[in-house]
């Protein structure tokens, strides 16, 4: 079913991102990533306030493959 949109503003799209406006059956971007961050790293809002006396992030990963991504 068609959609009626007003103004659409796309600030940025990553290298494997998908922007689609309209009808679609399947959208399957081909990418995988891992992000490490300490406590309070991804806080959002107008006045974020975090109190972290000691923070450490374990980045040791014993897996060889976390997500198998294959393209056509």
PDB file of N, CA and C in Angstrom:
ATOM      1  N   UNK A   1       0.843  -1.172   0.000  1.00  0.00           N
ATOM      2  CA  UNK A   1       0.000   0.000   0.000  1.00  0.00           C
ATOM      3  C   UNK A   1       0.890   1.237   0.000  1.00  0.00           C
ATOM      4  N   UNK A   2       0.651   2.170  -0.869  1.00  0.00           N
ATOM      5  CA  UNK A   2       1.488   3.370  -0.949  1.00  0.00           C
ATOM      6  C   UNK A   2       1.361   4.233   0.304  1.00  0.00           C
ATOM      7  N   UNK A   3       2.443   4.910   0.608  1.00  0.00           N
ATOM      8  CA  UNK A   3       2.471   5.812   1.753  1.00  0.00           C
ATOM      9  C   UNK A   3       2.632   7.241   1.257  1.00  0.00           C
ATOM     10  N   UNK A   4       2.006   8.170   1.962  1.00  0.00           N
ATOM     11  CA  UNK A   4       2.146   9.589   1.639  1.00  0.00           C
ATOM     12  C   UNK A   4       3.040  10.190   2.704  1.00  0.00           C
ATOM     13  N   UNK A   5       4.171  10.747   2.271  1.00  0.00           N
ATOM     14  CA  UNK A   5       5.143  11.312   3.199  1.00  0.00           C
ATOM     15  C   UNK A   5       5.211  12.819   3.035  1.00  0.00           C
ATOM     16  N   UNK A   6       5.529  13.474   4.139  1.00  0.00           N
ATOM     17  CA  UNK A   6       5.803  14.900   4.080  1.00  0.00           C
ATOM     18  C   UNK A   6       7.292  15.085   3.794  1.00  0.00           C
ATOM     19  N   UNK A   7       7.897  16.040   4.458  1.00  0.00           N
ATOM     20  CA  UNK A   7       9.321  16.283   4.280  1.00  0.00           C
ATOM     21  C   UNK A   7      10.119  15.130   4.880  1.00  0.00           C
ATOM     22  N   UNK A   8      11.161  14.729   4.212  1.00  0.00           N
ATOM     23  CA  UNK A   8      12.027  13.648   4.667  1.00  0.00           C
ATOM     24  C   UNK A   8      13.457  14.152   4.629  1.00  0.00           C
ATOM     25  N   UNK A   9      14.151  14.080   5.739  1.00  0.00           N
ATOM     26  CA  UNK A   9      15.528  14.558   5.821  1.00  0.00           C
ATOM     27  C   UNK A   9      16.412  13.417   6.300  1.00  0.00           C
ATOM     28  N   UNK A  10      17.342  12.998   5.464  1.00  0.00           N
ATOM     29  CA  UNK A  10      18.291  11.945   5.808  1.00  0.00           C
ATOM     30  C   UNK A  10      19.632  12.618   6.043  1.00  0.00           C
ATOM     31  N   UNK A  11      20.132  12.529   7.258  1.00  0.00           N
ATOM     32  CA  UNK A  11      21.392  13.184   7.595  1.00  0.00           C
ATOM     33  C   UNK A  11      22.567  12.386   7.057  1.00  0.00           C
ATOM     34  N   UNK A  12      22.608  11.100   7.351  1.00  0.00           N
ATOM     35  CA  UNK A  12      23.694  10.270   6.827  1.00  0.00           C
ATOM     36  C   UNK A  12      23.260   8.820   6.799  1.00  0.00           C
ATOM     37  N   UNK A  13      23.889   8.059   5.918  1.00  0.00           N
ATOM     38  CA  UNK A  13      23.639   6.632   5.788  1.00  0.00           C
ATOM     39  C   UNK A  13      25.001   5.952   5.743  1.00  0.00           C
ATOM     40  N   UNK A  14      25.175   4.930   6.553  1.00  0.00           N
ATOM     41  CA  UNK A  14      26.449   4.214   6.602  1.00  0.00           C
ATOM     42  C   UNK A  14      26.728   3.456   5.320  1.00  0.00           C
ATOM     43  N   UNK A  15      27.891   2.836   5.264  1.00  0.00           N
ATOM     44  CA  UNK A  15      28.318   2.161   4.036  1.00  0.00           C
ATOM     45  C   UNK A  15      27.428   0.978   3.682  1.00  0.00           C
ATOM     46  N   UNK A  16      26.816   0.339   4.650  1.00  0.00           N
ATOM     47  CA  UNK A  16      25.935  -0.779   4.330  1.00  0.00           C
ATOM     48  C   UNK A  16      24.509  -0.507   4.801  1.00  0.00           C
ATOM     49  N   UNK A  17      24.155   0.770   4.965  1.00  0.00           N
ATOM     50  CA  UNK A  17      22.822   1.131   5.403  1.00  0.00           C
ATOM     51  C   UNK A  17      21.835   1.105   4.257  1.00  0.00           C
ATOM     52  N   UNK A  18      20.559   1.084   4.614  1.00  0.00           N
ATOM     53  CA  UNK A  18      19.498   1.029   3.616  1.00  0.00           C
ATOM     54  C   UNK A  18      18.491   2.127   3.927  1.00  0.00           C
ATOM     55  N   UNK A  19      18.176   2.950   2.930  1.00  0.00           N
ATOM     56  CA  UNK A  19      17.089   3.917   3.035  1.00  0.00           C
ATOM     57  C   UNK A  19      16.102   3.559   1.948  1.00  0.00           C
ATOM     58  N   UNK A  20      14.896   3.210   2.370  1.00  0.00           N
ATOM     59  CA  UNK A  20      13.888   2.795   1.399  1.00  0.00           C
ATOM     60  C   UNK A  20      12.578   3.481   1.744  1.00  0.00           C
ATOM     61  N   UNK A  21      11.960   4.116   0.772  1.00  0.00           N
ATOM     62  CA  UNK A  21      10.669   4.754   0.963  1.00  0.00           C
ATOM     63  C   UNK A  21       9.719   4.115  -0.033  1.00  0.00           C
ATOM     64  N   UNK A  22       8.717   3.441   0.464  1.00  0.00           N
ATOM     65  CA  UNK A  22       7.758   2.771  -0.414  1.00  0.00           C
ATOM     66  C   UNK A  22       7.554   1.334   0.021  1.00  0.00           C
ATOM     67  N   UNK A  23       6.987   0.549  -0.873  1.00  0.00           N
ATOM     68  CA  UNK A  23       6.697  -0.849  -0.569  1.00  0.00           C
ATOM     69  C   UNK A  23       7.954  -1.692  -0.694  1.00  0.00           C
ATOM     70  N   UNK A  24       8.080  -2.671   0.192  1.00  0.00           N
ATOM     71  CA  UNK A  24       9.230  -3.555   0.157  1.00  0.00           C
ATOM     72  C   UNK A  24       8.835  -4.886   0.790  1.00  0.00           C
ATOM     73  N   UNK A  25       9.394  -5.959   0.307  1.00  0.00           N
ATOM     74  CA  UNK A  25       9.137  -7.275   0.890  1.00  0.00           C
ATOM     75  C   UNK A  25      10.221  -7.651   1.875  1.00  0.00           C
ATOM     76  N   UNK A  26      11.481  -7.533   1.451  1.00  0.00           N
ATOM     77  CA  UNK A  26      12.605  -7.899   2.317  1.00  0.00           C
ATOM     78  C   UNK A  26      13.723  -6.881   2.131  1.00  0.00           C
ATOM     79  N   UNK A  27      14.254  -6.381   3.235  1.00  0.00           N
ATOM     80  CA  UNK A  27      15.453  -5.554   3.209  1.00  0.00           C
ATOM     81  C   UNK A  27      16.486  -6.275   4.061  1.00  0.00           C
ATOM     82  N   UNK A  28      17.618  -6.606   3.471  1.00  0.00           N
ATOM     83  CA  UNK A  28      18.640  -7.363   4.188  1.00  0.00           C
ATOM     84  C   UNK A  28      20.017  -6.774   3.921  1.00  0.00           C
ATOM     85  N   UNK A  29      20.425  -5.763   4.693  1.00  0.00           N
ATOM     86  CA  UNK A  29      21.784  -5.236   4.507  1.00  0.00           C
ATOM     87  C   UNK A  29      22.820  -6.280   4.905  1.00  0.00           C
ATOM     88  N   UNK A  30      23.962  -6.259   4.262  1.00  0.00           N
ATOM     89  CA  UNK A  30      25.006  -7.256   4.487  1.00  0.00           C
ATOM     90  C   UNK A  30      26.170  -6.632   5.243  1.00  0.00           C
ATOM     91  N   UNK A  31      26.071  -6.606   6.567  1.00  0.00           N
ATOM     92  CA  UNK A  31      27.154  -6.067   7.379  1.00  0.00           C
ATOM     93  C   UNK A  31      27.026  -6.588   8.801  1.00  0.00           C
ATOM     94  N   UNK A  32      28.137  -6.631   9.486  1.00  0.00           N
ATOM     95  CA  UNK A  32      28.150  -7.000  10.901  1.00  0.00           C
ATOM     96  C   UNK A  32      29.243  -6.185  11.573  1.00  0.00           C
ATOM     97  N   UNK A  33      28.994  -5.749  12.790  1.00  0.00           N
ATOM     98  CA  UNK A  33      29.994  -4.980  13.513  1.00  0.00           C
ATOM     99  C   UNK A  33      29.858  -5.236  15.001  1.00  0.00           C
ATOM    100  N   UNK A  34      30.873  -4.875  15.727  1.00  0.00           N
ATOM    101  CA  UNK A  34      30.883  -5.014  17.177  1.00  0.00           C
ATOM    102  C   UNK A  34      31.390  -3.714  17.769  1.00  0.00           C
ATOM    103  N   UNK A  35      30.749  -3.251  18.808  1.00  0.00           N
ATOM    104  CA  UNK A  35      31.110  -1.991  19.443  1.00  0.00           C
ATOM    105  C   UNK A  35      31.402  -2.226  20.908  1.00  0.00           C
ATOM    106  N   UNK A  36      32.525  -1.736  21.363  1.00  0.00           N
ATOM    107  CA  UNK A  36      32.886  -1.806  22.773  1.00  0.00           C
ATOM    108  C   UNK A  36      32.735  -0.416  23.382  1.00  0.00           C
ATOM    109  N   UNK A  37      32.133  -0.353  24.549  1.00  0.00           N
ATOM    110  CA  UNK A  37      31.988   0.928  25.224  1.00  0.00           C
ATOM    111  C   UNK A  37      31.872   0.699  26.725  1.00  0.00           C
ATOM    112  N   UNK A  38      32.375   1.624  27.488  1.00  0.00           N
ATOM    113  CA  UNK A  38      32.308   1.528  28.941  1.00  0.00           C
ATOM    114  C   UNK A  38      30.972   2.012  29.475  1.00  0.00           C
ATOM    115  N   UNK A  39      30.816   1.983  30.769  1.00  0.00           N
ATOM    116  CA  UNK A  39      29.546   2.373  31.363  1.00  0.00           C
ATOM    117  C   UNK A  39      29.291   3.860  31.146  1.00  0.00           C
ATOM    118  N   UNK A  40      28.067   4.198  30.814  1.00  0.00           N
ATOM    119  CA  UNK A  40      27.696   5.585  30.575  1.00  0.00           C
ATOM    120  C   UNK A  40      28.109   6.116  29.225  1.00  0.00           C
ATOM    121  N   UNK A  41      28.519   5.269  28.297  1.00  0.00           N
ATOM    122  CA  UNK A  41      29.029   5.748  27.015  1.00  0.00           C
ATOM    123  C   UNK A  41      27.944   6.190  26.053  1.00  0.00           C
ATOM    124  N   UNK A  42      26.815   5.536  26.048  1.00  0.00           N
ATOM    125  CA  UNK A  42      25.775   5.832  25.063  1.00  0.00           C
ATOM    126  C   UNK A  42      24.589   6.560  25.682  1.00  0.00           C
ATOM    127  N   UNK A  43      24.830   7.371  26.682  1.00  0.00           N
ATOM    128  CA  UNK A  43      23.749   8.152  27.285  1.00  0.00           C
ATOM    129  C   UNK A  43      23.305   9.247  26.329  1.00  0.00           C
ATOM    130  N   UNK A  44      22.001   9.443  26.240  1.00  0.00           N
ATOM    131  CA  UNK A  44      21.461  10.501  25.395  1.00  0.00           C
ATOM    132  C   UNK A  44      20.486  11.337  26.216  1.00  0.00           C
ATOM    133  N   UNK A  45      20.206  12.508  25.743  1.00  0.00           N
ATOM    134  CA  UNK A  45      19.270  13.390  26.429  1.00  0.00           C
ATOM    135  C   UNK A  45      19.838  14.788  26.518  1.00  0.00           C
ATOM    136  N   UNK A  46      19.085  15.664  27.139  1.00  0.00           N
ATOM    137  CA  UNK A  46      19.507  17.061  27.239  1.00  0.00           C
ATOM    138  C   UNK A  46      20.600  17.268  28.288  1.00  0.00           C
ATOM    139  N   UNK A  47      20.465  16.646  29.440  1.00  0.00           N
ATOM    140  CA  UNK A  47      21.419  16.850  30.523  1.00  0.00           C
ATOM    141  C   UNK A  47      21.876  15.509  31.094  1.00  0.00           C
ATOM    142  N   UNK A  48      22.678  14.741  30.339  1.00  0.00           N
ATOM    143  CA  UNK A  48      23.114  13.451  30.876  1.00  0.00           C
ATOM    144  C   UNK A  48      24.067  13.647  32.055  1.00  0.00           C
ATOM    145  N   UNK A  49      23.935  12.792  33.035  1.00  0.00           N
ATOM    146  CA  UNK A  49      24.774  12.871  34.219  1.00  0.00           C
ATOM    147  C   UNK A  49      25.121  11.460  34.664  1.00  0.00           C
ATOM    148  N   UNK A  50      26.386  11.101  34.591  1.00  0.00           N
ATOM    149  CA  UNK A  50      26.817   9.771  35.008  1.00  0.00           C
ATOM    150  C   UNK A  50      27.872   9.901  36.094  1.00  0.00           C
ATOM    151  N   UNK A  51      27.853   8.975  37.008  1.00  0.00           N
ATOM    152  CA  UNK A  51      28.816   8.949  38.105  1.00  0.00           C
ATOM    153  C   UNK A  51      29.464   7.572  38.131  1.00  0.00           C
ATOM    154  N   UNK A  52      30.584   7.437  37.454  1.00  0.00           N
ATOM    155  CA  UNK A  52      31.301   6.171  37.362  1.00  0.00           C
ATOM    156  C   UNK A  52      32.666   6.340  38.015  1.00  0.00           C
ATOM    157  N   UNK A  53      32.833   5.735  39.151  1.00  0.00           N
ATOM    158  CA  UNK A  53      34.121   5.849  39.836  1.00  0.00           C
ATOM    159  C   UNK A  53      35.156   5.000  39.119  1.00  0.00           C
ATOM    160  N   UNK A  54      34.833   3.727  38.888  1.00  0.00           N
ATOM    161  CA  UNK A  54      35.741   2.822  38.174  1.00  0.00           C
ATOM    162  C   UNK A  54      34.941   2.142  37.077  1.00  0.00           C
ATOM    163  N   UNK A  55      35.451   2.179  35.861  1.00  0.00           N
ATOM    164  CA  UNK A  55      34.774   1.547  34.740  1.00  0.00           C
ATOM    165  C   UNK A  55      35.811   0.868  33.867  1.00  0.00           C
ATOM    166  N   UNK A  56      35.572  -0.386  33.514  1.00  0.00           N
ATOM    167  CA  UNK A  56      36.451  -1.067  32.572  1.00  0.00           C
ATOM    168  C   UNK A  56      35.596  -1.871  31.610  1.00  0.00           C
ATOM    169  N   UNK A  57      36.061  -2.005  30.395  1.00  0.00           N
ATOM    170  CA  UNK A  57      35.346  -2.742  29.362  1.00  0.00           C
ATOM    171  C   UNK A  57      36.213  -3.898  28.902  1.00  0.00           C
ATOM    172  N   UNK A  58      35.683  -5.103  28.986  1.00  0.00           N
ATOM    173  CA  UNK A  58      36.406  -6.297  28.554  1.00  0.00           C
ATOM    174  C   UNK A  58      36.255  -6.444  27.049  1.00  0.00           C
ATOM    175  N   UNK A  59      37.345  -6.339  26.316  1.00  0.00           N
ATOM    176  CA  UNK A  59      37.304  -6.473  24.863  1.00  0.00           C
ATOM    177  C   UNK A  59      37.924  -7.776  24.396  1.00  0.00           C
ATOM    178  N   UNK A  60      38.175  -8.691  25.293  1.00  0.00           N
ATOM    179  CA  UNK A  60      38.752  -9.982  24.930  1.00  0.00           C
ATOM    180  C   UNK A  60      37.658 -10.861  24.340  1.00  0.00           C
ATOM    181  N   UNK A  61      37.831 -11.274  23.085  1.00  0.00           N
ATOM    182  CA  UNK A  61      36.841 -12.093  22.391  1.00  0.00           C
ATOM    183  C   UNK A  61      37.537 -13.324  21.844  1.00  0.00           C
ATOM    184  N   UNK A  62      37.181 -14.484  22.337  1.00  0.00           N
ATOM    185  CA  UNK A  62      37.830 -15.720  21.923  1.00  0.00           C
ATOM    186  C   UNK A  62      37.255 -16.297  20.638  1.00  0.00           C
ATOM    187  N   UNK A  63      36.082 -15.807  20.193  1.00  0.00           N
ATOM    188  CA  UNK A  63      35.471 -16.337  18.971  1.00  0.00           C
ATOM    189  C   UNK A  63      36.258 -15.900  17.749  1.00  0.00           C
ATOM    190  N   UNK A  64      36.321 -16.778  16.766  1.00  0.00           N
ATOM    191  CA  UNK A  64      36.937 -16.395  15.501  1.00  0.00           C
ATOM    192  C   UNK A  64      35.936 -15.655  14.624  1.00  0.00           C
ATOM    193  N   UNK A  65      34.674 -16.088  14.659  1.00  0.00           N
ATOM    194  CA  UNK A  65      33.632 -15.479  13.836  1.00  0.00           C
ATOM    195  C   UNK A  65      32.429 -15.235  14.726  1.00  0.00           C
ATOM    196  N   UNK A  66      31.935 -13.988  14.766  1.00  0.00           N
ATOM    197  CA  UNK A  66      30.753 -13.669  15.562  1.00  0.00           C
ATOM    198  C   UNK A  66      29.478 -13.730  14.728  1.00  0.00           C
ATOM    199  N   UNK A  67      29.485 -13.184  13.535  1.00  0.00           N
ATOM    200  CA  UNK A  67      28.308 -13.183  12.672  1.00  0.00           C
ATOM    201  C   UNK A  67      28.759 -13.497  11.249  1.00  0.00           C
ATOM    202  N   UNK A  68      28.245 -14.565  10.712  1.00  0.00           N
ATOM    203  CA  UNK A  68      28.569 -14.922   9.332  1.00  0.00           C
ATOM    204  C   UNK A  68      27.679 -14.104   8.394  1.00  0.00           C
ATOM    205  N   UNK A  69      28.302 -13.258   7.592  1.00  0.00           N
ATOM    206  CA  UNK A  69      27.560 -12.427   6.653  1.00  0.00           C
ATOM    207  C   UNK A  69      28.035 -12.782   5.261  1.00  0.00           C
ATOM    208  N   UNK A  70      27.081 -13.218   4.425  1.00  0.00           N
ATOM    209  CA  UNK A  70      27.415 -13.601   3.054  1.00  0.00           C
ATOM    210  C   UNK A  70      26.519 -12.829   2.106  1.00  0.00           C
ATOM    211  N   UNK A  71      27.064 -12.347   1.033  1.00  0.00           N
ATOM    212  CA  UNK A  71      26.288 -11.631   0.021  1.00  0.00           C
ATOM    213  C   UNK A  71      26.040 -12.515  -1.178  1.00  0.00           C
ATOM    214  N   UNK A  72      25.217 -12.006  -2.079  1.00  0.00           N
ATOM    215  CA  UNK A  72      24.911 -12.753  -3.286  1.00  0.00           C
ATOM    216  C   UNK A  72      25.928 -12.521  -4.348  1.00  0.00           C
TER     217      UNK A  72
END
